[in-house]
Structures are given as structure tokens and as C-alpha cells.
C-alpha atoms as a PDB file:
ATOM      1  CA  UNK A   1     107.171  -0.061  34.625  1.00  0.00           C
ATOM      2  CA  UNK A   2     108.488   2.893  36.773  1.00  0.00           C
ATOM      3  CA  UNK A   3     105.745   5.345  35.504  1.00  0.00           C
ATOM      4  CA  UNK A   4     103.085   2.394  36.284  1.00  0.00           C
ATOM      5  CA  UNK A   5     104.314   2.125  39.887  1.00  0.00           C
ATOM      6  CA  UNK A   6     104.186   5.738  40.271  1.00  0.00           C
ATOM      7  CA  UNK A   7     100.487   5.755  39.143  1.00  0.00           C
ATOM      8  CA  UNK A   8      99.693   3.058  41.371  1.00  0.00           C
ATOM      9  CA  UNK A   9     101.171   4.867  44.621  1.00  0.00           C
ATOM     10  CA  UNK A  10      99.444   8.062  43.527  1.00  0.00           C
ATOM     11  CA  UNK A  11      95.887   6.155  43.208  1.00  0.00           C
ATOM     12  CA  UNK A  12      96.568   4.709  46.738  1.00  0.00           C
ATOM     13  CA  UNK A  13      97.139   8.067  48.441  1.00  0.00           C
ATOM     14  CA  UNK A  14      94.068   9.623  46.795  1.00  0.00           C
ATOM     15  CA  UNK A  15      92.065   6.662  47.880  1.00  0.00           C
ATOM     16  CA  UNK A  16      92.155   7.993  51.698  1.00  0.00           C
ATOM     17  CA  UNK A  17      88.644   9.286  52.084  1.00  0.00           C
ATOM     18  CA  UNK A  18      89.040  13.283  52.969  1.00  0.00           C
ATOM     19  CA  UNK A  19      86.330  14.163  55.631  1.00  0.00           C
ATOM     20  CA  UNK A  20      84.969  17.523  55.719  1.00  0.00           C
ATOM     21  CA  UNK A  21      85.277  18.232  59.753  1.00  0.00           C
ATOM     22  CA  UNK A  22      84.212  21.289  61.505  1.00  0.00           C
ATOM     23  CA  UNK A  23      84.962  22.498  65.201  1.00  0.00           C
ATOM     24  CA  UNK A  24      83.630  25.372  67.208  1.00  0.00           C
ATOM     25  CA  UNK A  25      85.765  28.733  67.197  1.00  0.00           C
ATOM     26  CA  UNK A  26      88.144  28.882  69.999  1.00  0.00           C
ATOM     27  CA  UNK A  27      86.566  25.685  71.957  1.00  0.00           C
ATOM     28  CA  UNK A  28      89.694  24.474  73.453  1.00  0.00           C
ATOM     29  CA  UNK A  29      93.491  23.808  73.287  1.00  0.00           C
ATOM     30  CA  UNK A  30      92.851  20.024  72.290  1.00  0.00           C
ATOM     31  CA  UNK A  31      91.420  21.366  68.997  1.00  0.00           C
ATOM     32  CA  UNK A  32      92.998  21.350  65.636  1.00  0.00           C
ATOM     33  CA  UNK A  33      92.803  24.979  65.365  1.00  0.00           C
ATOM     34  CA  UNK A  34      95.082  25.610  68.393  1.00  0.00           C
ATOM     35  CA  UNK A  35      98.551  26.591  67.977  1.00  0.00           C
ATOM     36  CA  UNK A  36      99.661  23.028  69.251  1.00  0.00           C
ATOM     37  CA  UNK A  37      96.687  20.816  70.029  1.00  0.00           C
ATOM     38  CA  UNK A  38      97.568  19.152  73.263  1.00  0.00           C
ATOM     39  CA  UNK A  39      96.190  17.045  76.031  1.00  0.00           C
ATOM     40  CA  UNK A  40      94.468  13.587  76.298  1.00  0.00           C
ATOM     41  CA  UNK A  41      91.565  14.813  73.780  1.00  0.00           C
ATOM     42  CA  UNK A  42      93.813  15.658  71.323  1.00  0.00           C
ATOM     43  CA  UNK A  43      95.697  12.623  71.555  1.00  0.00           C
ATOM     44  CA  UNK A  44      92.631  10.585  71.149  1.00  0.00           C
ATOM     45  CA  UNK A  45      91.344  12.473  68.314  1.00  0.00           C
ATOM     46  CA  UNK A  46      94.651  11.874  66.195  1.00  0.00           C
ATOM     47  CA  UNK A  47      94.608   8.219  67.178  1.00  0.00           C
ATOM     48  CA  UNK A  48      90.695   8.199  65.942  1.00  0.00           C
ATOM     49  CA  UNK A  49      91.869   9.810  62.364  1.00  0.00           C
ATOM     50  CA  UNK A  50      94.648   7.273  62.122  1.00  0.00           C
ATOM     51  CA  UNK A  51      92.603   4.396  63.025  1.00  0.00           C
ATOM     52  CA  UNK A  52      89.655   4.897  60.916  1.00  0.00           C
ATOM     53  CA  UNK A  53      91.963   5.832  58.227  1.00  0.00           C
ATOM     54  CA  UNK A  54      90.323   9.057  57.175  1.00  0.00           C
ATOM     55  CA  UNK A  55      91.727  12.255  56.648  1.00  0.00           C
ATOM     56  CA  UNK A  56      90.281  14.995  58.379  1.00  0.00           C
ATOM     57  CA  UNK A  57      90.165  18.353  56.610  1.00  0.00           C
ATOM     58  CA  UNK A  58      89.088  20.802  59.697  1.00  0.00           C
ATOM     59  CA  UNK A  59      87.750  24.231  59.629  1.00  0.00           C
ATOM     60  CA  UNK A  60      86.069  26.199  62.422  1.00  0.00           C
ATOM     61  CA  UNK A  61      82.748  27.838  62.763  1.00  0.00           C
ATOM     62  CA  UNK A  62      80.313  29.721  65.201  1.00  0.00           C
ATOM     63  CA  UNK A  63      78.148  27.201  66.957  1.00  0.00           C
ATOM     64  CA  UNK A  64      75.104  27.901  64.858  1.00  0.00           C
ATOM     65  CA  UNK A  65      76.699  27.570  61.568  1.00  0.00           C
ATOM     66  CA  UNK A  66      78.552  24.420  62.488  1.00  0.00           C
ATOM     67  CA  UNK A  67      75.505  22.437  63.392  1.00  0.00           C
ATOM     68  CA  UNK A  68      73.482  23.762  60.459  1.00  0.00           C
ATOM     69  CA  UNK A  69      76.431  22.605  58.011  1.00  0.00           C
ATOM     70  CA  UNK A  70      76.499  19.069  59.328  1.00  0.00           C
ATOM     71  CA  UNK A  71      72.774  18.907  59.391  1.00  0.00           C
ATOM     72  CA  UNK A  72      72.681  20.100  55.820  1.00  0.00           C
ATOM     73  CA  UNK A  73      75.565  17.616  54.848  1.00  0.00           C
ATOM     74  CA  UNK A  74      78.091  20.531  53.981  1.00  0.00           C
ATOM     75  CA  UNK A  75      80.144  19.162  56.837  1.00  0.00           C
ATOM     76  CA  UNK A  76      80.626  15.313  57.325  1.00  0.00           C
ATOM     77  CA  UNK A  77      81.260  15.809  61.012  1.00  0.00           C
ATOM     78  CA  UNK A  78      81.690  18.110  63.923  1.00  0.00           C
ATOM     79  CA  UNK A  79      83.708  17.768  67.170  1.00  0.00           C
ATOM     80  CA  UNK A  80      83.375  18.433  70.040  1.00  0.00           C
ATOM     81  CA  UNK A  81      79.695  17.960  69.808  1.00  0.00           C
ATOM     82  CA  UNK A  82      77.582  17.680  73.040  1.00  0.00           C
ATOM     83  CA  UNK A  83      74.766  15.220  72.723  1.00  0.00           C
ATOM     84  CA  UNK A  84      71.291  16.491  72.751  1.00  0.00           C
ATOM     85  CA  UNK A  85      68.086  15.225  71.811  1.00  0.00           C
ATOM     86  CA  UNK A  86      67.226  18.033  69.370  1.00  0.00           C
ATOM     87  CA  UNK A  87      70.726  17.708  67.544  1.00  0.00           C
ATOM     88  CA  UNK A  88      69.744  13.889  67.126  1.00  0.00           C
ATOM     89  CA  UNK A  89      66.924  15.005  64.933  1.00  0.00           C
ATOM     90  CA  UNK A  90      69.162  16.320  62.297  1.00  0.00           C
ATOM     91  CA  UNK A  91      72.514  14.321  62.700  1.00  0.00           C
ATOM     92  CA  UNK A  92      73.849  11.215  63.895  1.00  0.00           C
ATOM     93  CA  UNK A  93      75.826  10.844  67.219  1.00  0.00           C
ATOM     94  CA  UNK A  94      79.058   8.649  67.466  1.00  0.00           C
ATOM     95  CA  UNK A  95      79.616   6.582  70.599  1.00  0.00           C
ATOM     96  CA  UNK A  96      80.656   8.845  73.441  1.00  0.00           C
ATOM     97  CA  UNK A  97      84.321   9.827  74.153  1.00  0.00           C
ATOM     98  CA  UNK A  98      84.056  13.573  75.269  1.00  0.00           C
ATOM     99  CA  UNK A  99      82.923  14.582  79.135  1.00  0.00           C
ATOM    100  CA  UNK A 100      82.378  18.057  79.844  1.00  0.00           C
ATOM    101  CA  UNK A 101      81.669  19.864  83.035  1.00  0.00           C
ATOM    102  CA  UNK A 102      79.706  23.281  82.573  1.00  0.00           C
ATOM    103  CA  UNK A 103      80.908  25.730  85.070  1.00  0.00           C
ATOM    104  CA  UNK A 104      79.266  28.619  86.620  1.00  0.00           C
ATOM    105  CA  UNK A 105      81.818  31.617  86.640  1.00  0.00           C
ATOM    106  CA  UNK A 106      81.465  34.547  89.060  1.00  0.00           C
ATOM    107  CA  UNK A 107      83.821  37.288  90.402  1.00  0.00           C
ATOM    108  CA  UNK A 108      86.207  36.727  93.404  1.00  0.00           C
ATOM    109  CA  UNK A 109      84.069  39.245  95.366  1.00  0.00           C
ATOM    110  CA  UNK A 110      80.624  38.087  94.194  1.00  0.00           C
ATOM    111  CA  UNK A 111      78.151  36.975  96.563  1.00  0.00           C
ATOM    112  CA  UNK A 112      75.654  35.925  93.589  1.00  0.00           C
ATOM    113  CA  UNK A 113      72.917  33.420  94.417  1.00  0.00           C
ATOM    114  CA  UNK A 114      73.277  31.041  91.706  1.00  0.00           C
ATOM    115  CA  UNK A 115      69.812  29.633  92.143  1.00  0.00           C
ATOM    116  CA  UNK A 116      68.090  33.053  91.750  1.00  0.00           C
ATOM    117  CA  UNK A 117      66.661  32.696  88.261  1.00  0.00           C
ATOM    118  CA  UNK A 118      66.703  36.720  87.814  1.00  0.00           C
ATOM    119  CA  UNK A 119      70.329  37.058  87.865  1.00  0.00           C
ATOM    120  CA  UNK A 120      72.039  37.990  84.624  1.00  0.00           C
ATOM    121  CA  UNK A 121      74.049  35.412  82.800  1.00  0.00           C
ATOM    122  CA  UNK A 122      76.445  35.387  79.611  1.00  0.00           C
ATOM    123  CA  UNK A 123      76.430  32.488  77.553  1.00  0.00           C
ATOM    124  CA  UNK A 124      77.566  31.596  74.000  1.00  0.00           C
ATOM    125  CA  UNK A 125      74.987  31.968  71.074  1.00  0.00           C
ATOM    126  CA  UNK A 126      73.923  28.576  69.846  1.00  0.00           C
ATOM    127  CA  UNK A 127      75.482  26.733  72.533  1.00  0.00           C
ATOM    128  CA  UNK A 128      73.880  23.855  74.548  1.00  0.00           C
ATOM    129  CA  UNK A 129      74.565  25.945  77.848  1.00  0.00           C
ATOM    130  CA  UNK A 130      72.398  28.419  76.317  1.00  0.00           C
ATOM    131  CA  UNK A 131      69.863  25.832  76.077  1.00  0.00           C
ATOM    132  CA  UNK A 132      70.366  24.740  79.612  1.00  0.00           C
ATOM    133  CA  UNK A 133      69.932  28.128  80.934  1.00  0.00           C
ATOM    134  CA  UNK A 134      66.605  28.527  79.134  1.00  0.00           C
ATOM    135  CA  UNK A 135      65.310  25.095  80.031  1.00  0.00           C
ATOM    136  CA  UNK A 136      66.280  26.004  83.593  1.00  0.00           C
ATOM    137  CA  UNK A 137      64.063  29.109  83.483  1.00  0.00           C
ATOM    138  CA  UNK A 138      66.778  31.675  84.016  1.00  0.00           C
ATOM    139  CA  UNK A 139      65.259  34.925  82.748  1.00  0.00           C
ATOM    140  CA  UNK A 140      68.179  37.421  81.931  1.00  0.00           C
ATOM    141  CA  UNK A 141      70.415  35.568  79.760  1.00  0.00           C
ATOM    142  CA  UNK A 142      73.065  37.480  77.965  1.00  0.00           C
ATOM    143  CA  UNK A 143      73.969  36.072  74.440  1.00  0.00           C
ATOM    144  CA  UNK A 144      77.679  36.669  73.101  1.00  0.00           C
ATOM    145  CA  UNK A 145      79.228  35.152  70.134  1.00  0.00           C
ATOM    146  CA  UNK A 146      82.487  33.703  71.697  1.00  0.00           C
ATOM    147  CA  UNK A 147      83.465  32.226  74.760  1.00  0.00           C
ATOM    148  CA  UNK A 148      86.356  34.582  75.467  1.00  0.00           C
ATOM    149  CA  UNK A 149      83.446  37.514  75.258  1.00  0.00           C
ATOM    150  CA  UNK A 150      81.855  35.885  78.138  1.00  0.00           C
ATOM    151  CA  UNK A 151      84.894  36.576  80.374  1.00  0.00           C
ATOM    152  CA  UNK A 152      85.030  40.198  79.218  1.00  0.00           C
ATOM    153  CA  UNK A 153      81.457  40.653  79.808  1.00  0.00           C
ATOM    154  CA  UNK A 154      81.717  39.152  83.407  1.00  0.00           C
ATOM    155  CA  UNK A 155      85.176  41.105  84.287  1.00  0.00           C
ATOM    156  CA  UNK A 156      83.291  44.491  83.376  1.00  0.00           C
ATOM    157  CA  UNK A 157      80.392  43.519  85.738  1.00  0.00           C
ATOM    158  CA  UNK A 158      77.749  43.775  82.834  1.00  0.00           C
ATOM    159  CA  UNK A 159      76.638  40.166  84.228  1.00  0.00           C
ATOM    160  CA  UNK A 160      76.365  38.607  87.514  1.00  0.00           C
ATOM    161  CA  UNK A 161      77.453  35.264  86.081  1.00  0.00           C
ATOM    162  CA  UNK A 162      78.787  33.105  83.046  1.00  0.00           C
ATOM    163  CA  UNK A 163      78.330  29.738  82.011  1.00  0.00           C
ATOM    164  CA  UNK A 164      80.460  27.751  79.785  1.00  0.00           C
ATOM    165  CA  UNK A 165      82.425  24.403  79.262  1.00  0.00           C
ATOM    166  CA  UNK A 166      85.554  23.489  81.294  1.00  0.00           C
ATOM    167  CA  UNK A 167      87.421  22.834  78.195  1.00  0.00           C
ATOM    168  CA  UNK A 168      86.896  26.349  76.857  1.00  0.00           C
ATOM    169  CA  UNK A 169      87.565  28.059  80.178  1.00  0.00           C
ATOM    170  CA  UNK A 170      90.811  26.011  80.634  1.00  0.00           C
ATOM    171  CA  UNK A 171      92.015  27.450  77.333  1.00  0.00           C
ATOM    172  CA  UNK A 172      91.039  31.034  78.042  1.00  0.00           C
ATOM    173  CA  UNK A 173      92.434  31.268  81.591  1.00  0.00           C
ATOM    174  CA  UNK A 174      96.060  32.830  82.004  1.00  0.00           C
ATOM    175  CA  UNK A 175      98.244  33.861  85.024  1.00  0.00           C
ATOM    176  CA  UNK A 176      96.465  37.475  84.696  1.00  0.00           C
ATOM    177  CA  UNK A 177      93.042  36.023  85.014  1.00  0.00           C
ATOM    178  CA  UNK A 178      91.058  36.901  88.176  1.00  0.00           C
ATOM    179  CA  UNK A 179      90.924  33.800  90.577  1.00  0.00           C
ATOM    180  CA  UNK A 180      86.976  33.213  89.625  1.00  0.00           C
ATOM    181  CA  UNK A 181      84.620  31.300  91.771  1.00  0.00           C
ATOM    182  CA  UNK A 182      83.595  28.333  90.024  1.00  0.00           C
ATOM    183  CA  UNK A 183      80.894  25.586  90.550  1.00  0.00           C
ATOM    184  CA  UNK A 184      79.629  22.861  88.386  1.00  0.00           C
ATOM    185  CA  UNK A 185      76.206  23.364  86.536  1.00  0.00           C
ATOM    186  CA  UNK A 186      76.098  19.908  85.121  1.00  0.00           C
ATOM    187  CA  UNK A 187      78.071  17.195  83.543  1.00  0.00           C
ATOM    188  CA  UNK A 188      77.456  16.326  79.872  1.00  0.00           C
ATOM    189  CA  UNK A 189      78.850  13.805  77.451  1.00  0.00           C
ATOM    190  CA  UNK A 190      79.574  14.051  73.434  1.00  0.00           C
ATOM    191  CA  UNK A 191      81.718  13.112  70.760  1.00  0.00           C
ATOM    192  CA  UNK A 192      81.006  13.448  67.002  1.00  0.00           C
ATOM    193  CA  UNK A 193      77.949  14.256  65.211  1.00  0.00           C
ATOM    194  CA  UNK A 194      77.846  13.094  61.534  1.00  0.00           C
ATOM    195  CA  UNK A 195      75.972  14.105  58.778  1.00  0.00           C
ATOM    196  CA  UNK A 196      73.473  11.286  57.893  1.00  0.00           C
ATOM    197  CA  UNK A 197      74.828  10.418  54.437  1.00  0.00           C
ATOM    198  CA  UNK A 198      78.211  10.313  55.666  1.00  0.00           C
ATOM    199  CA  UNK A 199      77.163   8.096  58.717  1.00  0.00           C
ATOM    200  CA  UNK A 200      75.563   5.427  56.402  1.00  0.00           C
ATOM    201  CA  UNK A 201      79.115   4.767  55.042  1.00  0.00           C
ATOM    202  CA  UNK A 202      81.494   5.432  57.842  1.00  0.00           C
ATOM    203  CA  UNK A 203      79.725   5.492  61.244  1.00  0.00           C
ATOM    204  CA  UNK A 204      80.760   1.920  62.033  1.00  0.00           C
ATOM    205  CA  UNK A 205      84.578   2.579  61.347  1.00  0.00           C
ATOM    206  CA  UNK A 206      84.453   5.583  63.389  1.00  0.00           C
ATOM    207  CA  UNK A 207      82.968   4.268  66.262  1.00  0.00           C
ATOM    208  CA  UNK A 208      85.194   1.128  66.170  1.00  0.00           C
ATOM    209  CA  UNK A 209      88.365   3.717  65.887  1.00  0.00           C
ATOM    210  CA  UNK A 210      87.010   5.497  69.173  1.00  0.00           C
ATOM    211  CA  UNK A 211      86.718   2.195  70.789  1.00  0.00           C
ATOM    212  CA  UNK A 212      90.212   1.363  69.980  1.00  0.00           C
ATOM    213  CA  UNK A 213      91.653   4.614  70.754  1.00  0.00           C
ATOM    214  CA  UNK A 214      90.064   4.639  74.255  1.00  0.00           C
ATOM    215  CA  UNK A 215      91.816   1.421  74.853  1.00  0.00           C
ATOM    216  CA  UNK A 216      95.319   2.436  73.568  1.00  0.00           C
ATOM    217  CA  UNK A 217      95.356   5.841  75.416  1.00  0.00           C
ATOM    218  CA  UNK A 218      94.423   5.632  79.222  1.00  0.00           C
ATOM    219  CA  UNK A 219      92.275   8.548  80.392  1.00  0.00           C
ATOM    220  CA  UNK A 220      94.460  10.750  83.129  1.00  0.00           C
ATOM    221  CA  UNK A 221      93.054  10.071  86.660  1.00  0.00           C
ATOM    222  CA  UNK A 222      91.317  13.188  88.022  1.00  0.00           C
ATOM    223  CA  UNK A 223      93.451  15.248  90.585  1.00  0.00           C
ATOM    224  CA  UNK A 224      92.483  14.758  94.269  1.00  0.00           C
ATOM    225  CA  UNK A 225      90.350  17.198  95.359  1.00  0.00           C
END
């Protein structure tokens, strides 16, 4: 009898679906890959995993590989993913629960005219920020592999400006960082992108978990400006 109960327990544990989850390398301090995921986004993400009764197995990838893997089904979902019509063609978006400000960054002594489409701008390869610059008609876009390399390129004055999401910028800044000039380029929304086959079975439960967690965990008020 004892053996039978033990086998039932093991079967119950194994029944929890394991989700192949991916996130961008070094995107923010709220990601599972951070030493101690922190902040509102990290709390919501942990809540979604619990409420959906899914077990997220996280791995990090460069942007282009990340979205290729979810499009081909090698990953079940990616987070945080900014929503975009092009990405909608190959993957299924969840309901929105992430908001990102994309930030223009220039050096403290800079007098760069950000409206000048001829300025040189560093951006992460494969990111939506790169797509925004291309659509806006910026002519001198310098592609780098990671967000921290954008700052190094800017600090070395090899470009006039950088464009990156605020979540990533916050994770990179330290007491030794220059007091960069910051301006909002645009604000975008996102959440999860799910592989199409995975979405057939789990999109509804994931969306319900998102809604429940947004109710349970109040979003912090923006600081007074």
C-alpha cells in the first residue's frame, strides 16, 4: 500500500506540464536569468507560472534566435516580447501585461539633434528597436549583439546616440555610469509570444493567469515628475 501511494505521488508531480521558456540575454533585472529577479514584472511572472499550473524551464538566447525558436516550436513561449505585426505572423501573442518605454540615450555633453535621420545610432541586432529606427528612416544604424555593447559604443563616442528599452537600461546603469541624457522615443506593449501548437492547448490558461495576477499584484504608481 505504501508503495502504491508513493507511485501516485510521483505521477502527480510529473503531470505538471514543463514549458520550454526563453528570454532575451541580459534584458532586465526582472528576468529569471538575473541573480535575484526583482520588481513588479518579476512578481507578476512568478504569479503567472503558479496560477497557470505550468512549470517554466527558462533559457536565454540572442533576440533573433529566440524568436526563431518560438516560431518553429523549439520553444513554447518567450518573455518579455514586444508585440509586433510581423511577429504575429509566426507566433501567438498573449494578452498585454508588459509596457516598455524605448529610450534615446546621448552623452551628458551631447548636442545631438535626435530628429536628424543622418545621426549614427547603436541598437541591438534583431530587436524591435532596430525595426523602429529602420521604419523611421534613420540612415546610420550600428548593430551590436547586446544592450551593454550599446552603452560601450556610445561611451566611446563611436555613435551619436543609442536606442534601448528602459527595462534593459535600468539593469545596466550603475553609480559609475555617465548621467546620460534620456528622451522617450516611443512606448510599446507586450507579454508572451507562444508557439502556435503550444497556444492551441495553453493560451486560455496563460491569459487567465495573467488577468488574475494583474488583479492580485497592484502595479506600482509612477514617480512624480
